[in-house]
């Protein structure tokens, strides 16, 4: 149960950090890609998703890359939004772990 709480805290720290440094809509999108990580964790554990599911993951990742590379989507006072977005995206991995651990605990 403690690991579940730690994953939730890391997930939310990524969201708070990103929301202070990048555009709010991007912060929320990058923070809510937990479904993509759930599919990738499933693949690492040996579950093979169907083609439509993998197509959805690839489209989601491509959308995140397009958002990240958009030069017009930066805060006025910030030079780059790459690092906060990557931290936020990485914290979504902890969100996926939170869901898996929470399911296990229930």
C-alpha atoms as a PDB file:
ATOM      1  CA  UNK A   1       0.000   0.000   0.000  1.00  0.00           C
ATOM      2  CA  UNK A   2       2.927   2.298   0.669  1.00  0.00           C
ATOM      3  CA  UNK A   3       4.245   1.768  -2.864  1.00  0.00           C
ATOM      4  CA  UNK A   4       0.823   2.761  -4.217  1.00  0.00           C
ATOM      5  CA  UNK A   5       0.947   6.020  -2.283  1.00  0.00           C
ATOM      6  CA  UNK A   6       4.520   6.728  -3.420  1.00  0.00           C
ATOM      7  CA  UNK A   7       3.535   6.199  -7.074  1.00  0.00           C
ATOM      8  CA  UNK A   8       0.594   8.570  -6.643  1.00  0.00           C
ATOM      9  CA  UNK A   9       2.847  11.218  -5.097  1.00  0.00           C
ATOM     10  CA  UNK A  10       5.430  10.995  -7.911  1.00  0.00           C
ATOM     11  CA  UNK A  11       2.650  11.117 -10.492  1.00  0.00           C
ATOM     12  CA  UNK A  12       1.205  14.289  -8.968  1.00  0.00           C
ATOM     13  CA  UNK A  13       4.615  15.936  -8.474  1.00  0.00           C
ATOM     14  CA  UNK A  14       5.178  15.605 -12.223  1.00  0.00           C
ATOM     15  CA  UNK A  15       1.830  17.265 -12.908  1.00  0.00           C
ATOM     16  CA  UNK A  16       2.480  20.128 -10.493  1.00  0.00           C
ATOM     17  CA  UNK A  17       5.974  20.747 -11.856  1.00  0.00           C
ATOM     18  CA  UNK A  18       4.765  20.712 -15.440  1.00  0.00           C
ATOM     19  CA  UNK A  19       1.753  22.902 -14.766  1.00  0.00           C
ATOM     20  CA  UNK A  20       4.077  25.551 -13.334  1.00  0.00           C
ATOM     21  CA  UNK A  21       6.396  25.454 -16.351  1.00  0.00           C
ATOM     22  CA  UNK A  22       4.412  24.595 -19.489  1.00  0.00           C
ATOM     23  CA  UNK A  23       0.982  25.298 -20.940  1.00  0.00           C
ATOM     24  CA  UNK A  24      -1.770  23.761 -18.799  1.00  0.00           C
ATOM     25  CA  UNK A  25      -3.359  21.744 -21.597  1.00  0.00           C
ATOM     26  CA  UNK A  26      -0.038  20.117 -22.456  1.00  0.00           C
ATOM     27  CA  UNK A  27       0.669  19.390 -18.803  1.00  0.00           C
ATOM     28  CA  UNK A  28      -2.619  17.534 -18.449  1.00  0.00           C
ATOM     29  CA  UNK A  29      -2.243  15.610 -21.695  1.00  0.00           C
ATOM     30  CA  UNK A  30       1.298  14.485 -20.869  1.00  0.00           C
ATOM     31  CA  UNK A  31       0.236  13.545 -17.346  1.00  0.00           C
ATOM     32  CA  UNK A  32      -2.699  11.455 -18.529  1.00  0.00           C
ATOM     33  CA  UNK A  33      -0.915   9.103 -20.904  1.00  0.00           C
ATOM     34  CA  UNK A  34      -1.053   6.391 -18.279  1.00  0.00           C
ATOM     35  CA  UNK A  35      -3.035   4.211 -20.665  1.00  0.00           C
ATOM     36  CA  UNK A  36      -0.102   4.157 -23.062  1.00  0.00           C
ATOM     37  CA  UNK A  37       2.193   3.053 -20.267  1.00  0.00           C
ATOM     38  CA  UNK A  38      -0.298   0.391 -19.161  1.00  0.00           C
ATOM     39  CA  UNK A  39      -0.148  -1.151 -22.631  1.00  0.00           C
ATOM     40  CA  UNK A  40       3.667  -0.956 -22.682  1.00  0.00           C
ATOM     41  CA  UNK A  41       3.915  -2.497 -19.200  1.00  0.00           C
ATOM     42  CA  UNK A  42       1.585  -5.248 -20.383  1.00  0.00           C
ATOM     43  CA  UNK A  43       3.882  -5.934 -23.319  1.00  0.00           C
ATOM     44  CA  UNK A  44       6.873  -6.083 -20.956  1.00  0.00           C
ATOM     45  CA  UNK A  45       4.958  -8.631 -18.855  1.00  0.00           C
ATOM     46  CA  UNK A  46       4.239 -10.803 -21.882  1.00  0.00           C
ATOM     47  CA  UNK A  47       0.717  -9.767 -22.906  1.00  0.00           C
ATOM     48  CA  UNK A  48       0.389  -9.087 -26.615  1.00  0.00           C
ATOM     49  CA  UNK A  49      -2.073  -6.323 -27.497  1.00  0.00           C
ATOM     50  CA  UNK A  50      -4.029  -6.465 -30.715  1.00  0.00           C
ATOM     51  CA  UNK A  51      -3.147  -4.327 -33.729  1.00  0.00           C
ATOM     52  CA  UNK A  52      -5.765  -1.668 -33.012  1.00  0.00           C
ATOM     53  CA  UNK A  53      -4.488  -1.202 -29.491  1.00  0.00           C
ATOM     54  CA  UNK A  54      -0.903  -0.798 -30.720  1.00  0.00           C
ATOM     55  CA  UNK A  55      -2.101   1.608 -33.414  1.00  0.00           C
ATOM     56  CA  UNK A  56      -3.739   3.696 -30.703  1.00  0.00           C
ATOM     57  CA  UNK A  57      -0.544   3.713 -28.647  1.00  0.00           C
ATOM     58  CA  UNK A  58       1.503   4.828 -31.650  1.00  0.00           C
ATOM     59  CA  UNK A  59      -0.989   7.568 -32.537  1.00  0.00           C
ATOM     60  CA  UNK A  60      -0.971   8.763 -28.921  1.00  0.00           C
ATOM     61  CA  UNK A  61       2.829   8.852 -28.822  1.00  0.00           C
ATOM     62  CA  UNK A  62       2.956  10.671 -32.163  1.00  0.00           C
ATOM     63  CA  UNK A  63       0.491  13.252 -30.854  1.00  0.00           C
ATOM     64  CA  UNK A  64       2.637  13.822 -27.763  1.00  0.00           C
ATOM     65  CA  UNK A  65       5.739  14.269 -29.916  1.00  0.00           C
ATOM     66  CA  UNK A  66       3.913  16.775 -32.140  1.00  0.00           C
ATOM     67  CA  UNK A  67       2.789  18.728 -29.089  1.00  0.00           C
ATOM     68  CA  UNK A  68       6.293  18.682 -27.658  1.00  0.00           C
ATOM     69  CA  UNK A  69       7.899  19.941 -30.867  1.00  0.00           C
ATOM     70  CA  UNK A  70       5.410  22.778 -31.469  1.00  0.00           C
ATOM     71  CA  UNK A  71       7.483  25.990 -31.257  1.00  0.00           C
ATOM     72  CA  UNK A  72       4.422  28.199 -30.650  1.00  0.00           C
ATOM     73  CA  UNK A  73       3.258  26.250 -27.603  1.00  0.00           C
ATOM     74  CA  UNK A  74       5.507  27.738 -24.943  1.00  0.00           C
ATOM     75  CA  UNK A  75       4.839  30.062 -22.078  1.00  0.00           C
ATOM     76  CA  UNK A  76       5.837  33.651 -22.662  1.00  0.00           C
ATOM     77  CA  UNK A  77       8.474  33.684 -19.939  1.00  0.00           C
ATOM     78  CA  UNK A  78       9.893  30.226 -20.666  1.00  0.00           C
ATOM     79  CA  UNK A  79      12.486  29.402 -23.304  1.00  0.00           C
ATOM     80  CA  UNK A  80      11.933  25.654 -23.583  1.00  0.00           C
ATOM     81  CA  UNK A  81       9.156  23.351 -22.511  1.00  0.00           C
ATOM     82  CA  UNK A  82      11.066  20.139 -23.280  1.00  0.00           C
ATOM     83  CA  UNK A  83      12.331  19.228 -19.796  1.00  0.00           C
ATOM     84  CA  UNK A  84       9.095  19.893 -17.854  1.00  0.00           C
ATOM     85  CA  UNK A  85       7.104  17.999 -20.483  1.00  0.00           C
ATOM     86  CA  UNK A  86       9.439  15.010 -20.339  1.00  0.00           C
ATOM     87  CA  UNK A  87       9.320  14.997 -16.543  1.00  0.00           C
ATOM     88  CA  UNK A  88       5.531  15.113 -16.723  1.00  0.00           C
ATOM     89  CA  UNK A  89       5.436  12.361 -19.346  1.00  0.00           C
ATOM     90  CA  UNK A  90       7.762  10.236 -17.216  1.00  0.00           C
ATOM     91  CA  UNK A  91       5.650  10.811 -14.125  1.00  0.00           C
ATOM     92  CA  UNK A  92       2.720   9.272 -16.002  1.00  0.00           C
ATOM     93  CA  UNK A  93       4.619   5.982 -15.731  1.00  0.00           C
ATOM     94  CA  UNK A  94       4.133   6.231 -11.976  1.00  0.00           C
ATOM     95  CA  UNK A  95       0.447   6.849 -12.684  1.00  0.00           C
ATOM     96  CA  UNK A  96       0.296   3.567 -14.559  1.00  0.00           C
ATOM     97  CA  UNK A  97       2.055   1.821 -11.685  1.00  0.00           C
ATOM     98  CA  UNK A  98      -0.405   3.448  -9.290  1.00  0.00           C
ATOM     99  CA  UNK A  99      -3.338   1.961 -11.212  1.00  0.00           C
ATOM    100  CA  UNK A 100      -1.738  -1.473 -11.334  1.00  0.00           C
ATOM    101  CA  UNK A 101      -0.852  -1.447  -7.634  1.00  0.00           C
ATOM    102  CA  UNK A 102      -4.255  -0.104  -6.701  1.00  0.00           C
ATOM    103  CA  UNK A 103      -5.910  -2.917  -8.663  1.00  0.00           C
ATOM    104  CA  UNK A 104      -3.642  -5.396  -6.889  1.00  0.00           C
ATOM    105  CA  UNK A 105      -4.472  -3.940  -3.471  1.00  0.00           C
ATOM    106  CA  UNK A 106      -8.227  -4.050  -4.036  1.00  0.00           C
END
